[in-house]
Amino acid sequence: MLDATVEEVMGSSFPSLDEKTDLQIVKKHLAESPAVLVLEFGRIIDIVTRYDIIEYASSL
C-alpha cells in the first residue's frame, strides 16, 4: 500500500465556492462532501468542514 501513488488513493474533488457564498449553499454541499474549498480570485484561501459549521452555530 505504501508504494501507491497519490492518484491511486485520492478521492473525488471537493466542491469549491466563493467566499461570499451563502452559508445555506455551503451546508448543502457539505451534506454530500466532507469539505468545501473556499476560493478568492480563483485561489484556495480556506477549507470549510462540517465541524466549522457546528462550531459557528454553537457560538451564536
PDB file of N, CA and C in Angstrom:
ATOM      1  N   MET A   1       0.821  -1.190   0.000  1.00  0.00           N
ATOM      2  CA  MET A   1       0.000   0.000   0.000  1.00  0.00           C
ATOM      3  C   MET A   1       0.866   1.256   0.000  1.00  0.00           C
ATOM      4  N   LEU A   2       1.965   1.283   0.696  1.00  0.00           N
ATOM      5  CA  LEU A   2       2.787   2.486   0.768  1.00  0.00           C
ATOM      6  C   LEU A   2       3.516   2.793  -0.530  1.00  0.00           C
ATOM      7  N   ASP A   3       3.484   1.865  -1.471  1.00  0.00           N
ATOM      8  CA  ASP A   3       4.117   2.139  -2.758  1.00  0.00           C
ATOM      9  C   ASP A   3       3.104   2.638  -3.790  1.00  0.00           C
ATOM     10  N   ALA A   4       1.896   2.978  -3.335  1.00  0.00           N
ATOM     11  CA  ALA A   4       0.863   3.508  -4.231  1.00  0.00           C
ATOM     12  C   ALA A   4       1.147   4.977  -4.544  1.00  0.00           C
ATOM     13  N   THR A   5       0.550   5.455  -5.623  1.00  0.00           N
ATOM     14  CA  THR A   5       0.678   6.871  -5.976  1.00  0.00           C
ATOM     15  C   THR A   5      -0.491   7.657  -5.389  1.00  0.00           C
ATOM     16  N   VAL A   6      -0.343   8.961  -5.324  1.00  0.00           N
ATOM     17  CA  VAL A   6      -1.424   9.822  -4.834  1.00  0.00           C
ATOM     18  C   VAL A   6      -2.669   9.613  -5.692  1.00  0.00           C
ATOM     19  N   GLU A   7      -2.476   9.522  -6.989  1.00  0.00           N
ATOM     20  CA  GLU A   7      -3.600   9.332  -7.911  1.00  0.00           C
ATOM     21  C   GLU A   7      -4.414   8.082  -7.573  1.00  0.00           C
ATOM     22  N   GLU A   8      -3.750   7.043  -7.107  1.00  0.00           N
ATOM     23  CA  GLU A   8      -4.423   5.788  -6.787  1.00  0.00           C
ATOM     24  C   GLU A   8      -5.256   5.863  -5.512  1.00  0.00           C
ATOM     25  N   VAL A   9      -4.893   6.736  -4.595  1.00  0.00           N
ATOM     26  CA  VAL A   9      -5.598   6.777  -3.313  1.00  0.00           C
ATOM     27  C   VAL A   9      -6.516   7.980  -3.143  1.00  0.00           C
ATOM     28  N   MET A  10      -6.372   8.983  -3.996  1.00  0.00           N
ATOM     29  CA  MET A  10      -7.182  10.194  -3.807  1.00  0.00           C
ATOM     30  C   MET A  10      -8.635   9.950  -4.180  1.00  0.00           C
ATOM     31  N   GLY A  11      -9.509  10.674  -3.496  1.00  0.00           N
ATOM     32  CA  GLY A  11     -10.931  10.601  -3.786  1.00  0.00           C
ATOM     33  C   GLY A  11     -11.315  11.651  -4.812  1.00  0.00           C
ATOM     34  N   SER A  12     -12.591  11.866  -4.930  1.00  0.00           N
ATOM     35  CA  SER A  12     -13.070  12.878  -5.867  1.00  0.00           C
ATOM     36  C   SER A  12     -12.772  14.275  -5.326  1.00  0.00           C
ATOM     37  N   SER A  13     -12.820  15.238  -6.190  1.00  0.00           N
ATOM     38  CA  SER A  13     -12.519  16.622  -5.809  1.00  0.00           C
ATOM     39  C   SER A  13     -13.579  17.192  -4.881  1.00  0.00           C
ATOM     40  N   PHE A  14     -13.154  18.079  -4.009  1.00  0.00           N
ATOM     41  CA  PHE A  14     -14.089  18.794  -3.148  1.00  0.00           C
ATOM     42  C   PHE A  14     -14.756  19.899  -3.955  1.00  0.00           C
ATOM     43  N   PRO A  15     -16.007  20.224  -3.625  1.00  0.00           N
ATOM     44  CA  PRO A  15     -16.629  21.369  -4.285  1.00  0.00           C
ATOM     45  C   PRO A  15     -15.902  22.645  -3.876  1.00  0.00           C
ATOM     46  N   SER A  16     -15.944  23.642  -4.745  1.00  0.00           N
ATOM     47  CA  SER A  16     -15.312  24.922  -4.421  1.00  0.00           C
ATOM     48  C   SER A  16     -16.322  26.042  -4.603  1.00  0.00           C
ATOM     49  N   LEU A  17     -16.295  26.977  -3.670  1.00  0.00           N
ATOM     50  CA  LEU A  17     -17.237  28.090  -3.663  1.00  0.00           C
ATOM     51  C   LEU A  17     -16.506  29.386  -3.357  1.00  0.00           C
ATOM     52  N   ASP A  18     -17.100  30.477  -3.775  1.00  0.00           N
ATOM     53  CA  ASP A  18     -16.581  31.807  -3.483  1.00  0.00           C
ATOM     54  C   ASP A  18     -16.781  32.116  -2.004  1.00  0.00           C
ATOM     55  N   GLU A  19     -15.922  32.927  -1.437  1.00  0.00           N
ATOM     56  CA  GLU A  19     -16.015  33.256  -0.013  1.00  0.00           C
ATOM     57  C   GLU A  19     -17.287  34.016   0.341  1.00  0.00           C
ATOM     58  N   LYS A  20     -17.967  34.580  -0.628  1.00  0.00           N
ATOM     59  CA  LYS A  20     -19.202  35.337  -0.387  1.00  0.00           C
ATOM     60  C   LYS A  20     -20.459  34.463  -0.509  1.00  0.00           C
ATOM     61  N   THR A  21     -20.283  33.161  -0.727  1.00  0.00           N
ATOM     62  CA  THR A  21     -21.404  32.237  -0.886  1.00  0.00           C
ATOM     63  C   THR A  21     -22.211  32.137   0.400  1.00  0.00           C
ATOM     64  N   ASP A  22     -23.523  32.103   0.262  1.00  0.00           N
ATOM     65  CA  ASP A  22     -24.425  31.980   1.408  1.00  0.00           C
ATOM     66  C   ASP A  22     -24.177  30.663   2.140  1.00  0.00           C
ATOM     67  N   LEU A  23     -24.235  30.706   3.447  1.00  0.00           N
ATOM     68  CA  LEU A  23     -23.962  29.529   4.273  1.00  0.00           C
ATOM     69  C   LEU A  23     -24.921  28.374   3.981  1.00  0.00           C
ATOM     70  N   GLN A  24     -26.149  28.660   3.592  1.00  0.00           N
ATOM     71  CA  GLN A  24     -27.101  27.594   3.264  1.00  0.00           C
ATOM     72  C   GLN A  24     -26.605  26.756   2.086  1.00  0.00           C
ATOM     73  N   ILE A  25     -25.989  27.388   1.114  1.00  0.00           N
ATOM     74  CA  ILE A  25     -25.442  26.661  -0.035  1.00  0.00           C
ATOM     75  C   ILE A  25     -24.249  25.813   0.397  1.00  0.00           C
ATOM     76  N   VAL A  26     -23.418  26.357   1.264  1.00  0.00           N
ATOM     77  CA  VAL A  26     -22.279  25.600   1.790  1.00  0.00           C
ATOM     78  C   VAL A  26     -22.780  24.354   2.514  1.00  0.00           C
ATOM     79  N   LYS A  27     -23.815  24.512   3.330  1.00  0.00           N
ATOM     80  CA  LYS A  27     -24.374  23.373   4.073  1.00  0.00           C
ATOM     81  C   LYS A  27     -24.879  22.289   3.128  1.00  0.00           C
ATOM     82  N   LYS A  28     -25.490  22.671   2.016  1.00  0.00           N
ATOM     83  CA  LYS A  28     -25.967  21.680   1.036  1.00  0.00           C
ATOM     84  C   LYS A  28     -24.799  20.891   0.455  1.00  0.00           C
ATOM     85  N   HIS A  29     -23.710  21.570   0.161  1.00  0.00           N
ATOM     86  CA  HIS A  29     -22.530  20.877  -0.370  1.00  0.00           C
ATOM     87  C   HIS A  29     -21.914  19.959   0.681  1.00  0.00           C
ATOM     88  N   LEU A  30     -21.917  20.395   1.933  1.00  0.00           N
ATOM     89  CA  LEU A  30     -21.336  19.574   2.996  1.00  0.00           C
ATOM     90  C   LEU A  30     -22.176  18.338   3.306  1.00  0.00           C
ATOM     91  N   ALA A  31     -23.419  18.326   2.874  1.00  0.00           N
ATOM     92  CA  ALA A  31     -24.245  17.129   3.046  1.00  0.00           C
ATOM     93  C   ALA A  31     -23.748  15.998   2.148  1.00  0.00           C
ATOM     94  N   GLU A  32     -23.018  16.353   1.090  1.00  0.00           N
ATOM     95  CA  GLU A  32     -22.537  15.352   0.134  1.00  0.00           C
ATOM     96  C   GLU A  32     -21.015  15.233   0.080  1.00  0.00           C
ATOM     97  N   SER A  33     -20.320  16.130   0.754  1.00  0.00           N
ATOM     98  CA  SER A  33     -18.863  16.144   0.711  1.00  0.00           C
ATOM     99  C   SER A  33     -18.327  16.485   2.104  1.00  0.00           C
ATOM    100  N   PRO A  34     -17.189  15.936   2.495  1.00  0.00           N
ATOM    101  CA  PRO A  34     -16.663  16.231   3.831  1.00  0.00           C
ATOM    102  C   PRO A  34     -16.089  17.638   3.978  1.00  0.00           C
ATOM    103  N   ALA A  35     -15.851  18.317   2.853  1.00  0.00           N
ATOM    104  CA  ALA A  35     -15.272  19.661   2.922  1.00  0.00           C
ATOM    105  C   ALA A  35     -15.610  20.458   1.671  1.00  0.00           C
ATOM    106  N   VAL A  36     -15.539  21.776   1.811  1.00  0.00           N
ATOM    107  CA  VAL A  36     -15.733  22.695   0.693  1.00  0.00           C
ATOM    108  C   VAL A  36     -14.517  23.611   0.643  1.00  0.00           C
ATOM    109  N   LEU A  37     -13.954  23.763  -0.536  1.00  0.00           N
ATOM    110  CA  LEU A  37     -12.840  24.682  -0.716  1.00  0.00           C
ATOM    111  C   LEU A  37     -13.394  26.088  -0.900  1.00  0.00           C
ATOM    112  N   VAL A  38     -12.794  27.051  -0.241  1.00  0.00           N
ATOM    113  CA  VAL A  38     -13.222  28.445  -0.346  1.00  0.00           C
ATOM    114  C   VAL A  38     -12.218  29.174  -1.242  1.00  0.00           C
ATOM    115  N   LEU A  39     -12.747  29.829  -2.280  1.00  0.00           N
ATOM    116  CA  LEU A  39     -11.894  30.500  -3.253  1.00  0.00           C
ATOM    117  C   LEU A  39     -12.023  32.013  -3.183  1.00  0.00           C
ATOM    118  N   GLU A  40     -10.917  32.679  -3.460  1.00  0.00           N
ATOM    119  CA  GLU A  40     -10.903  34.126  -3.647  1.00  0.00           C
ATOM    120  C   GLU A  40     -10.046  34.377  -4.885  1.00  0.00           C
ATOM    121  N   PHE A  41     -10.636  35.007  -5.879  1.00  0.00           N
ATOM    122  CA  PHE A  41      -9.943  35.249  -7.151  1.00  0.00           C
ATOM    123  C   PHE A  41      -9.389  33.950  -7.736  1.00  0.00           C
ATOM    124  N   GLY A  42     -10.152  32.843  -7.577  1.00  0.00           N
ATOM    125  CA  GLY A  42      -9.765  31.564  -8.148  1.00  0.00           C
ATOM    126  C   GLY A  42      -8.705  30.798  -7.382  1.00  0.00           C
ATOM    127  N   ARG A  43      -8.281  31.305  -6.229  1.00  0.00           N
ATOM    128  CA  ARG A  43      -7.268  30.619  -5.426  1.00  0.00           C
ATOM    129  C   ARG A  43      -7.877  30.129  -4.120  1.00  0.00           C
ATOM    130  N   ILE A  44      -7.455  28.968  -3.666  1.00  0.00           N
ATOM    131  CA  ILE A  44      -7.957  28.416  -2.409  1.00  0.00           C
ATOM    132  C   ILE A  44      -7.421  29.251  -1.249  1.00  0.00           C
ATOM    133  N   ILE A  45      -8.358  29.752  -0.429  1.00  0.00           N
ATOM    134  CA  ILE A  45      -7.942  30.533   0.743  1.00  0.00           C
ATOM    135  C   ILE A  45      -8.319  29.848   2.052  1.00  0.00           C
ATOM    136  N   ASP A  46      -9.205  28.847   1.974  1.00  0.00           N
ATOM    137  CA  ASP A  46      -9.613  28.156   3.200  1.00  0.00           C
ATOM    138  C   ASP A  46     -10.343  26.873   2.833  1.00  0.00           C
ATOM    139  N   ILE A  47     -10.582  26.063   3.831  1.00  0.00           N
ATOM    140  CA  ILE A  47     -11.375  24.842   3.700  1.00  0.00           C
ATOM    141  C   ILE A  47     -12.410  24.865   4.810  1.00  0.00           C
ATOM    142  N   VAL A  48     -13.669  24.648   4.449  1.00  0.00           N
ATOM    143  CA  VAL A  48     -14.751  24.608   5.437  1.00  0.00           C
ATOM    144  C   VAL A  48     -15.224  23.166   5.568  1.00  0.00           C
ATOM    145  N   THR A  49     -15.381  22.718   6.815  1.00  0.00           N
ATOM    146  CA  THR A  49     -15.866  21.369   7.087  1.00  0.00           C
ATOM    147  C   THR A  49     -17.152  21.439   7.904  1.00  0.00           C
ATOM    148  N   ARG A  50     -17.779  20.299   8.096  1.00  0.00           N
ATOM    149  CA  ARG A  50     -18.986  20.243   8.933  1.00  0.00           C
ATOM    150  C   ARG A  50     -18.672  20.735  10.345  1.00  0.00           C
ATOM    151  N   TYR A  51     -17.495  20.408  10.820  1.00  0.00           N
ATOM    152  CA  TYR A  51     -17.080  20.861  12.153  1.00  0.00           C
ATOM    153  C   TYR A  51     -17.106  22.387  12.244  1.00  0.00           C
ATOM    154  N   ASP A  52     -16.643  23.050  11.203  1.00  0.00           N
ATOM    155  CA  ASP A  52     -16.650  24.519  11.195  1.00  0.00           C
ATOM    156  C   ASP A  52     -18.066  25.064  11.319  1.00  0.00           C
ATOM    157  N   ILE A  53     -19.010  24.438  10.632  1.00  0.00           N
ATOM    158  CA  ILE A  53     -20.409  24.884  10.684  1.00  0.00           C
ATOM    159  C   ILE A  53     -20.970  24.670  12.086  1.00  0.00           C
ATOM    160  N   ILE A  54     -20.695  23.505  12.670  1.00  0.00           N
ATOM    161  CA  ILE A  54     -21.183  23.208  14.022  1.00  0.00           C
ATOM    162  C   ILE A  54     -20.569  24.175  15.034  1.00  0.00           C
ATOM    163  N   GLU A  55     -19.283  24.425  14.910  1.00  0.00           N
ATOM    164  CA  GLU A  55     -18.612  25.354  15.823  1.00  0.00           C
ATOM    165  C   GLU A  55     -19.198  26.765  15.690  1.00  0.00           C
ATOM    166  N   TYR A  56     -19.441  27.197  14.472  1.00  0.00           N
ATOM    167  CA  TYR A  56     -20.028  28.521  14.251  1.00  0.00           C
ATOM    168  C   TYR A  56     -21.423  28.599  14.868  1.00  0.00           C
ATOM    169  N   ALA A  57     -22.253  27.582  14.606  1.00  0.00           N
ATOM    170  CA  ALA A  57     -23.629  27.579  15.115  1.00  0.00           C
ATOM    171  C   ALA A  57     -23.656  27.562  16.643  1.00  0.00           C
ATOM    172  N   SER A  58     -22.731  26.860  17.261  1.00  0.00           N
ATOM    173  CA  SER A  58     -22.725  26.787  18.724  1.00  0.00           C
ATOM    174  C   SER A  58     -22.246  28.088  19.369  1.00  0.00           C
ATOM    175  N   SER A  59     -21.596  28.936  18.591  1.00  0.00           N
ATOM    176  CA  SER A  59     -21.116  30.205  19.140  1.00  0.00           C
ATOM    177  C   SER A  59     -22.166  31.307  19.077  1.00  0.00           C
ATOM    178  N   LEU A  60     -23.282  31.034  18.418  1.00  0.00           N
ATOM    179  CA  LEU A  60     -24.337  32.055  18.286  1.00  0.00           C
ATOM    180  C   LEU A  60     -25.158  32.184  19.539  1.00  0.00           C
TER     181      LEU A  60
END
